[in-house]
Amino acid sequence: MASTTQKDYYALLGVKKTATSDEIRKAFRKLARKYHPDVNPGDKKAEEKFKEISEANDILSDEKKRKVYDQVGFYSDQIDPAAAEAYARQQSGPGQPPVDFGGFDFSGFQGGAGPQQGAGSSNWGSFKDIFSGIFSGSQQQQRPRGPQPGTDLEYQATVDFWTAIRGGQARIQINRQETCPTCHGQASTGGPMPCPECNGTGQVTQMGGRMKFNIPCPRCGGVGRITNECATCHGEGVVSRTEIVEFRIKPGTRDGQRIRLQGKGNAGLNGGAPGDLFLIVRTGANPVFNRVGDDIQITVPVTVPEASLGAKVDVPTIDGRAQLKIPPGTQSGQKLRMRERGVESAQHAGQRGDQIVTVDVVVPSLNDERSREIMRELAKLNNQDPRVGLFDKL
């Protein structure tokens, strides 16, 4: 059966491919008045022309149909718009061999008609399945060429409390992809050779009943040449390995801080640069100190006389012992600030946080009569009720 040539609907209506919907409608109306069968009774050529412009108007006046037609060059209801989109992208890519529709009989598909049943139809299924399979499949076969950068990696690295404060070296075990030592990242060994499936042409012919398609070769991706897959990396260009990575912790590093180790990510392909390794720092806890940002928090117990009369007491800091002045009348839970006794800032050189001391007044156990007598005497001298204000608020 002779092949039907793909129709140029824009030429049939006498409009440009950039024509608006109004311009297409006006052009059709003008031609319809000229070739309508009522105006040309018995004129077979005018009747055929009227059918052609009606078909063109049906496709170009519908936004979705027109988009598929522009992408593929013809229209059928069996064409999946997503497949047409994939085909358009594949055809516009650099170095992509075109899909040849020569030898395909469009007569059963033009203007939205479904495919005619014939020899081979049971094997191929619908035209929609064939079309989608060809263009999505050919796209999947394409492998990027040229240098491809490696991907980044991200790990959580736990460091102890004192290393995060004072700085130091730390280690972490990671799994990363490195350049294959056999093929040096080329994914193949030996020189290229003609593809045996397409005989070096880059295209293969696929038949289905009355349909014939010249499509990119699925084995070589349309380039016409293949190489021997590297046996070490199985054609990936990289191999996985476990590695111990050492990194430096700056003094004052905070929990959740991100450290970047350039070039320690996955290896690139075809000579591409390696990715980076990002470490999310998780700092350990301490039984005495609690770190909040660059500040250190600590709870310090004091006696009733120290809290009542005031005193100077020794308290621990991250630098060692230091004296803290307890003001007279200090209450339990009161917070006292020790300036620049906190952590050295990793972001701002020369700055330090503070140490915040929460006072915990320890009430003694009165185990002898003399102590109880002194406490009763103290109660007589200080007989104010601390709960008066509480009831006033009710």
Protein backbone atom coordinates (compact mmCIF):
# COMPACT_ATOMS: atom_id res chain seq x y z
CA MET A 1 0.00 0.00 0.00
CA ALA A 2 1.35 3.42 -0.87
CA SER A 3 2.27 5.68 2.00
CA THR A 4 0.23 8.79 2.65
CA THR A 5 2.27 11.97 2.90
CA GLN A 6 2.01 13.89 6.16
CA LYS A 7 -0.28 16.84 5.66
CA ASP A 8 0.70 20.46 6.27
CA TYR A 9 -2.47 21.80 7.91
CA TYR A 10 -1.08 25.32 8.08
CA ALA A 11 -0.45 25.36 4.32
CA LEU A 12 -3.94 23.99 3.66
CA LEU A 13 -5.48 26.95 5.51
CA GLY A 14 -2.92 29.41 4.17
CA VAL A 15 -1.71 30.58 7.60
CA LYS A 16 1.65 30.68 9.36
CA LYS A 17 2.60 28.24 12.12
CA THR A 18 2.47 31.17 14.55
CA ALA A 19 -1.14 32.01 13.60
CA THR A 20 -3.56 32.77 16.43
CA SER A 21 -6.86 30.96 16.96
CA ASP A 22 -8.76 33.90 15.47
CA GLU A 23 -6.58 33.91 12.35
CA ILE A 24 -7.11 30.15 11.87
CA ARG A 25 -10.89 30.52 12.30
CA LYS A 26 -11.09 33.39 9.81
CA ALA A 27 -8.97 31.53 7.24
CA PHE A 28 -11.16 28.42 7.52
CA ARG A 29 -14.39 30.39 7.13
CA LYS A 30 -13.06 32.12 4.04
CA LEU A 31 -12.02 28.82 2.40
CA ALA A 32 -15.21 27.04 3.53
CA ARG A 33 -17.35 29.59 1.67
CA LYS A 34 -15.26 28.96 -1.44
CA TYR A 35 -15.18 25.14 -1.41
CA HIS A 36 -18.43 24.20 0.35
CA PRO A 37 -20.32 21.43 -1.55
CA ASP A 38 -23.47 23.55 -1.61
CA VAL A 39 -21.56 26.24 -3.50
CA ASN A 40 -19.90 23.68 -5.82
CA PRO A 41 -22.50 20.98 -6.52
CA GLY A 42 -21.06 17.93 -8.28
CA ASP A 43 -17.46 19.24 -8.05
CA LYS A 44 -15.43 16.33 -6.58
CA LYS A 45 -12.22 18.37 -6.29
CA ALA A 46 -14.00 21.10 -4.32
CA GLU A 47 -15.57 18.44 -2.08
CA GLU A 48 -12.18 16.85 -1.40
CA LYS A 49 -10.67 20.27 -0.70
CA PHE A 50 -13.47 21.07 1.73
CA LYS A 51 -12.76 17.81 3.61
CA GLU A 52 -9.07 18.68 3.84
CA ILE A 53 -9.59 22.18 5.22
CA SER A 54 -12.22 20.88 7.63
CA GLU A 55 -9.74 18.33 8.91
CA ALA A 56 -7.06 21.01 9.25
CA ASN A 57 -9.43 23.30 11.13
CA ASP A 58 -10.49 20.47 13.47
CA ILE A 59 -6.86 19.91 14.50
CA LEU A 60 -5.54 23.47 14.59
CA SER A 61 -8.56 24.99 16.34
CA ASP A 62 -8.17 22.58 19.28
CA GLU A 63 -5.30 23.66 21.53
CA LYS A 64 -4.36 20.12 22.69
CA LYS A 65 -4.59 18.56 19.22
CA ARG A 66 -2.60 21.40 17.70
CA LYS A 67 0.17 20.94 20.29
CA VAL A 68 0.51 17.23 19.46
CA TYR A 69 0.47 18.01 15.72
CA ASP A 70 3.21 20.63 16.14
CA GLN A 71 5.34 18.21 18.14
CA VAL A 72 4.93 15.09 15.98
CA GLY A 73 3.87 16.31 12.52
CA PHE A 74 0.50 14.53 12.46
CA TYR A 75 -2.34 13.85 14.88
CA SER A 76 -4.15 10.78 16.19
CA ASP A 77 -6.33 10.26 19.25
CA GLN A 78 -4.08 7.27 19.98
CA ILE A 79 -1.06 9.49 20.62
CA ASP A 80 -0.38 10.11 24.31
CA PRO A 81 0.42 13.83 24.78
CA ALA A 82 3.19 12.88 27.23
CA ALA A 83 4.79 10.63 24.60
CA ALA A 84 4.54 13.43 22.03
CA GLU A 85 6.26 15.76 24.50
CA ALA A 86 9.05 13.22 25.06
CA TYR A 87 9.44 12.77 21.30
CA ALA A 88 9.74 16.53 20.76
CA ARG A 89 12.45 16.78 23.43
CA GLN A 90 14.29 13.79 21.99
CA GLN A 91 14.22 15.21 18.46
CA SER A 92 15.49 18.62 19.61
CA GLY A 93 18.43 17.16 21.56
CA PRO A 94 21.96 17.61 20.14
CA GLY A 95 23.18 14.72 18.04
CA GLN A 96 19.85 12.89 18.10
CA PRO A 97 18.99 10.93 14.93
CA PRO A 98 15.49 11.75 13.70
CA VAL A 99 12.69 9.21 13.78
CA ASP A 100 11.65 8.50 10.20
CA PHE A 101 7.90 8.03 9.57
CA GLY A 102 8.57 7.18 5.92
CA GLY A 103 6.65 4.09 4.84
CA PHE A 104 3.93 4.58 7.44
CA ASP A 105 0.35 4.72 6.18
CA PHE A 106 -1.28 7.61 8.05
CA SER A 107 -4.66 7.14 6.42
CA GLY A 108 -6.05 5.24 9.38
CA PHE A 109 -4.82 7.82 11.91
CA GLN A 110 -5.36 11.27 10.44
CA GLY A 111 -7.86 13.60 12.00
CA GLY A 112 -8.14 11.57 15.19
CA ALA A 113 -9.29 8.29 13.62
CA GLY A 114 -8.33 5.11 15.41
CA PRO A 115 -5.87 2.62 13.86
CA GLN A 116 -7.18 0.12 11.35
CA GLN A 117 -6.90 -3.53 12.32
CA GLY A 118 -4.57 -5.52 10.07
CA ALA A 119 -1.72 -7.93 10.03
CA GLY A 120 0.43 -7.63 13.12
CA SER A 121 -2.11 -5.58 15.08
CA SER A 122 -2.48 -8.23 17.76
CA ASN A 123 1.29 -8.24 18.31
CA TRP A 124 1.78 -4.47 18.45
CA GLY A 125 -1.31 -3.42 20.37
CA SER A 126 -2.60 0.10 19.92
CA PHE A 127 -0.72 2.81 18.06
CA LYS A 128 -0.63 4.71 21.36
CA ASP A 129 1.41 1.91 22.96
CA ILE A 130 3.75 1.71 19.97
CA PHE A 131 4.31 5.44 19.82
CA SER A 132 4.89 5.75 23.58
CA GLY A 133 7.23 2.77 23.63
CA ILE A 134 9.39 4.03 20.80
CA PHE A 135 9.96 7.53 22.07
CA SER A 136 10.16 6.84 25.80
CA GLY A 137 12.40 3.85 25.14
CA SER A 138 14.78 5.69 22.86
CA GLN A 139 15.11 8.46 25.40
CA GLN A 140 16.00 6.04 28.18
CA GLN A 141 18.83 4.54 26.10
CA GLN A 142 20.65 7.85 25.83
CA ARG A 143 23.54 8.15 28.27
CA PRO A 144 25.09 11.52 28.95
CA ARG A 145 28.46 12.06 27.33
CA GLY A 146 31.31 14.29 28.37
CA PRO A 147 32.42 15.03 31.94
CA GLN A 148 29.70 14.49 34.54
CA PRO A 149 30.29 15.90 38.06
CA GLY A 150 29.99 13.53 40.99
CA THR A 151 27.12 13.77 43.44
CA ASP A 152 27.44 15.22 46.95
CA LEU A 153 27.24 13.12 50.10
CA GLU A 154 25.86 14.03 53.51
CA TYR A 155 26.61 12.29 56.80
CA GLN A 156 26.02 13.02 60.48
CA ALA A 157 29.22 13.14 62.51
CA THR A 158 29.05 12.83 66.32
CA VAL A 159 31.84 14.52 68.29
CA ASP A 160 32.24 14.59 72.05
CA PHE A 161 31.39 17.62 74.20
CA TRP A 162 34.96 18.78 74.79
CA THR A 163 36.14 18.38 71.17
CA ALA A 164 33.28 20.61 69.99
CA ILE A 165 34.31 23.27 72.54
CA ARG A 166 38.09 23.13 72.27
CA GLY A 167 38.44 21.93 68.67
CA GLY A 168 40.48 19.04 67.35
CA GLN A 169 40.57 16.23 64.83
CA ALA A 170 37.75 13.74 64.28
CA ARG A 171 37.17 10.73 62.02
CA ILE A 172 34.16 9.24 60.29
CA GLN A 173 33.61 6.16 58.14
CA ILE A 174 31.71 6.75 54.89
CA ASN A 175 30.72 4.83 51.77
CA ARG A 176 31.52 6.67 48.56
CA GLN A 177 31.99 6.03 44.85
CA GLU A 178 35.50 6.43 43.51
CA THR A 179 36.81 6.35 39.95
CA CYS A 180 37.17 2.81 38.65
CA PRO A 181 40.90 1.88 38.74
CA THR A 182 40.56 -0.30 35.62
CA CYS A 183 38.82 2.01 33.13
CA HIS A 184 39.68 5.27 34.93
CA GLY A 185 36.06 6.38 34.88
CA GLN A 186 35.45 5.75 31.17
CA ALA A 187 33.05 2.83 31.87
CA SER A 188 34.59 0.83 29.02
CA THR A 189 37.84 -0.79 27.95
CA GLY A 190 39.36 -0.86 24.49
CA GLY A 191 38.48 1.37 21.54
CA PRO A 192 35.02 1.89 20.05
CA MET A 193 33.71 -0.51 17.40
CA PRO A 194 30.72 -0.49 15.00
CA CYS A 195 27.48 -1.48 16.68
CA PRO A 196 26.54 -5.02 15.51
CA GLU A 197 22.81 -4.36 15.89
CA CYS A 198 22.56 -1.37 13.54
CA ASN A 199 25.80 -2.05 11.59
CA GLY A 200 27.13 1.35 12.56
CA THR A 201 24.21 3.36 11.15
CA GLY A 202 22.78 4.38 14.51
CA GLN A 203 19.25 3.46 13.42
CA VAL A 204 17.17 0.33 13.26
CA THR A 205 13.92 -0.37 11.45
CA GLN A 206 10.93 -1.52 13.47
CA MET A 207 7.85 -2.96 11.75
CA GLY A 208 4.30 -3.49 12.92
CA GLY A 209 1.74 -4.51 10.31
CA ARG A 210 1.61 -1.63 7.82
CA MET A 211 3.81 0.55 10.01
CA LYS A 212 7.54 1.08 9.59
CA PHE A 213 9.69 3.18 11.90
CA ASN A 214 13.37 4.06 11.71
CA ILE A 215 14.34 4.69 15.32
CA PRO A 216 17.60 5.23 17.26
CA CYS A 217 19.36 1.95 17.88
CA PRO A 218 18.57 0.80 21.44
CA ARG A 219 22.00 -0.78 21.89
CA CYS A 220 24.28 2.11 20.89
CA GLY A 221 21.81 4.91 21.61
CA GLY A 222 21.92 6.13 18.02
CA VAL A 223 25.68 6.82 17.80
CA GLY A 224 26.50 3.76 15.68
CA ARG A 225 29.47 2.67 17.81
CA ILE A 226 29.82 0.69 21.03
CA THR A 227 32.60 -0.09 23.48
CA ASN A 228 33.35 -3.07 25.69
CA GLU A 229 31.82 -2.66 29.14
CA CYS A 230 34.40 -2.52 31.92
CA ALA A 231 34.30 -5.77 33.88
CA THR A 232 35.38 -4.10 37.15
CA CYS A 233 32.72 -1.41 37.38
CA HIS A 234 30.18 -3.11 35.03
CA GLY A 235 30.05 -0.04 32.81
CA GLU A 236 29.37 2.44 35.62
CA GLY A 237 32.77 4.14 35.62
CA VAL A 238 32.86 4.12 39.43
CA VAL A 239 33.17 1.52 42.20
CA SER A 240 31.94 1.69 45.80
CA ARG A 241 34.34 1.64 48.69
CA THR A 242 34.42 2.31 52.44
CA GLU A 243 36.75 5.06 53.57
CA ILE A 244 37.82 6.67 56.84
CA VAL A 245 37.77 10.46 56.48
CA GLU A 246 39.55 12.77 58.92
CA PHE A 247 38.27 16.29 59.42
CA ARG A 248 39.02 19.28 61.63
CA ILE A 249 36.63 20.59 64.26
CA LYS A 250 36.98 24.31 64.93
CA PRO A 251 36.79 25.48 68.56
CA GLY A 252 33.21 26.41 69.40
CA THR A 253 31.58 24.20 66.75
CA ARG A 254 27.84 24.03 67.46
CA ASP A 255 25.41 21.15 67.28
CA GLY A 256 23.89 21.00 63.78
CA GLN A 257 26.73 22.97 62.19
CA ARG A 258 27.51 21.94 58.59
CA ILE A 259 31.06 21.21 57.52
CA ARG A 260 31.97 20.96 53.82
CA LEU A 261 34.85 18.75 52.68
CA GLN A 262 35.48 19.66 49.06
CA GLY A 263 36.08 16.77 46.65
CA LYS A 264 35.26 14.07 49.22
CA GLY A 265 31.89 13.16 47.66
CA ASN A 266 31.23 10.65 44.89
CA ALA A 267 33.64 10.58 41.96
CA GLY A 268 32.60 12.17 38.66
CA LEU A 269 32.22 10.36 35.34
CA ASN A 270 34.28 10.80 32.17
CA GLY A 271 36.76 13.04 33.98
CA GLY A 272 34.14 15.08 35.82
CA ALA A 273 34.98 16.71 39.16
CA PRO A 274 34.07 14.77 42.33
CA GLY A 275 31.24 15.95 44.55
CA ASP A 276 31.60 17.28 48.08
CA LEU A 277 31.06 15.66 51.47
CA PHE A 278 28.84 17.55 53.91
CA LEU A 279 29.02 16.63 57.60
CA ILE A 280 26.26 17.60 60.04
CA VAL A 281 27.92 17.85 63.46
CA ARG A 282 26.14 16.32 66.45
CA THR A 283 27.79 17.25 69.75
CA GLY A 284 27.81 14.98 72.78
CA ALA A 285 26.36 15.79 76.22
CA ASN A 286 28.10 16.47 79.56
CA PRO A 287 26.87 15.47 83.04
CA VAL A 288 27.58 18.92 84.54
CA PHE A 289 27.39 21.47 81.74
CA ASN A 290 24.55 22.12 79.32
CA ARG A 291 25.47 24.05 76.19
CA VAL A 292 23.01 26.41 74.49
CA GLY A 293 24.62 28.13 71.52
CA ASP A 294 27.81 29.66 72.89
CA ASP A 295 26.48 29.85 76.47
CA ILE A 296 27.08 27.26 79.16
CA GLN A 297 24.35 26.51 81.68
CA ILE A 298 24.99 24.92 85.08
CA THR A 299 23.04 24.46 88.33
CA VAL A 300 25.02 25.22 91.52
CA PRO A 301 23.75 24.29 95.04
CA VAL A 302 24.24 26.84 97.86
CA THR A 303 23.39 26.73 101.54
CA VAL A 304 20.67 28.78 103.23
CA PRO A 305 23.23 31.01 105.03
CA GLU A 306 25.12 31.59 101.72
CA ALA A 307 21.92 32.52 99.95
CA SER A 308 20.68 34.68 102.85
CA LEU A 309 23.87 36.49 103.80
CA GLY A 310 25.71 36.37 100.48
CA ALA A 311 28.99 34.61 99.81
CA LYS A 312 31.70 33.79 97.32
CA VAL A 313 31.58 30.17 96.17
CA ASP A 314 33.71 28.07 93.85
CA VAL A 315 31.91 26.85 90.72
CA PRO A 316 33.15 24.71 87.79
CA THR A 317 33.56 26.30 84.36
CA ILE A 318 34.81 24.87 81.06
CA ASP A 319 38.18 26.55 81.90
CA GLY A 320 38.38 25.16 85.46
CA ARG A 321 37.38 26.54 88.89
CA ALA A 322 36.17 30.12 89.25
CA GLN A 323 34.61 32.17 92.03
CA LEU A 324 31.01 33.32 91.85
CA LYS A 325 29.59 36.04 94.05
CA ILE A 326 26.24 35.11 95.59
CA PRO A 327 24.32 38.33 96.45
CA PRO A 328 22.54 38.48 99.85
CA GLY A 329 18.94 37.31 99.64
CA THR A 330 19.46 35.13 96.56
CA GLN A 331 16.44 32.91 95.91
CA SER A 332 16.42 29.33 94.70
CA GLY A 333 16.12 29.22 90.91
CA GLN A 334 17.66 32.67 90.49
CA LYS A 335 20.07 32.93 87.54
CA LEU A 336 23.49 34.60 87.81
CA ARG A 337 25.63 35.43 84.78
CA MET A 338 29.39 34.88 84.57
CA ARG A 339 30.58 37.05 81.68
CA GLU A 340 32.74 35.44 78.96
CA ARG A 341 32.95 32.11 80.75
CA GLY A 342 31.16 30.32 77.94
CA VAL A 343 32.30 28.84 74.61
CA GLU A 344 34.58 30.58 72.13
CA SER A 345 32.51 31.56 69.09
CA ALA A 346 33.32 29.66 65.88
CA GLN A 347 31.66 32.37 63.78
CA HIS A 348 33.04 35.50 65.46
CA ALA A 349 36.72 35.43 66.38
CA GLY A 350 37.55 36.83 69.82
CA GLN A 351 34.00 36.50 71.17
CA ARG A 352 32.84 34.13 73.90
CA GLY A 353 29.52 33.22 75.37
CA ASP A 354 28.60 33.46 79.07
CA GLN A 355 28.08 30.91 81.80
CA ILE A 356 24.58 31.04 83.26
CA VAL A 357 24.42 29.73 86.83
CA THR A 358 21.08 28.62 88.27
CA VAL A 359 21.13 28.80 92.09
CA ASP A 360 19.69 25.83 93.98
CA VAL A 361 19.21 26.70 97.66
CA VAL A 362 19.61 23.52 99.70
CA VAL A 363 17.46 23.44 102.87
CA PRO A 364 19.34 21.59 105.66
CA SER A 365 17.91 18.73 107.68
CA LEU A 366 17.66 19.79 111.38
CA ASN A 367 18.88 16.77 113.30
CA ASP A 368 19.45 18.35 116.75
CA GLU A 369 17.44 20.49 119.13
CA ARG A 370 19.89 23.40 119.06
CA SER A 371 19.51 23.76 115.27
CA ARG A 372 15.71 23.63 115.55
CA GLU A 373 15.75 26.30 118.32
CA ILE A 374 17.85 28.62 116.16
CA MET A 375 15.45 28.11 113.25
CA ARG A 376 12.43 28.90 115.46
CA GLU A 377 14.15 32.05 116.65
CA LEU A 378 14.85 32.99 113.02
CA ALA A 379 11.18 32.46 112.18
CA LYS A 380 10.13 34.87 114.96
CA LEU A 381 12.52 37.52 113.72
CA ASN A 382 11.39 37.10 110.08
CA ASN A 383 7.67 36.41 110.31
CA GLN A 384 6.57 37.70 106.87
CA ASP A 385 4.26 35.38 104.91
CA PRO A 386 5.71 34.68 101.42
CA ARG A 387 2.29 33.47 100.20
CA VAL A 388 0.36 36.70 100.72
CA GLY A 389 0.95 37.92 97.18
CA LEU A 390 -0.22 34.57 95.82
CA PHE A 391 -3.70 34.90 97.32
CA ASP A 392 -3.92 38.56 96.30
CA LYS A 393 -3.81 37.46 92.68
CA LEU A 394 -6.89 35.25 92.97
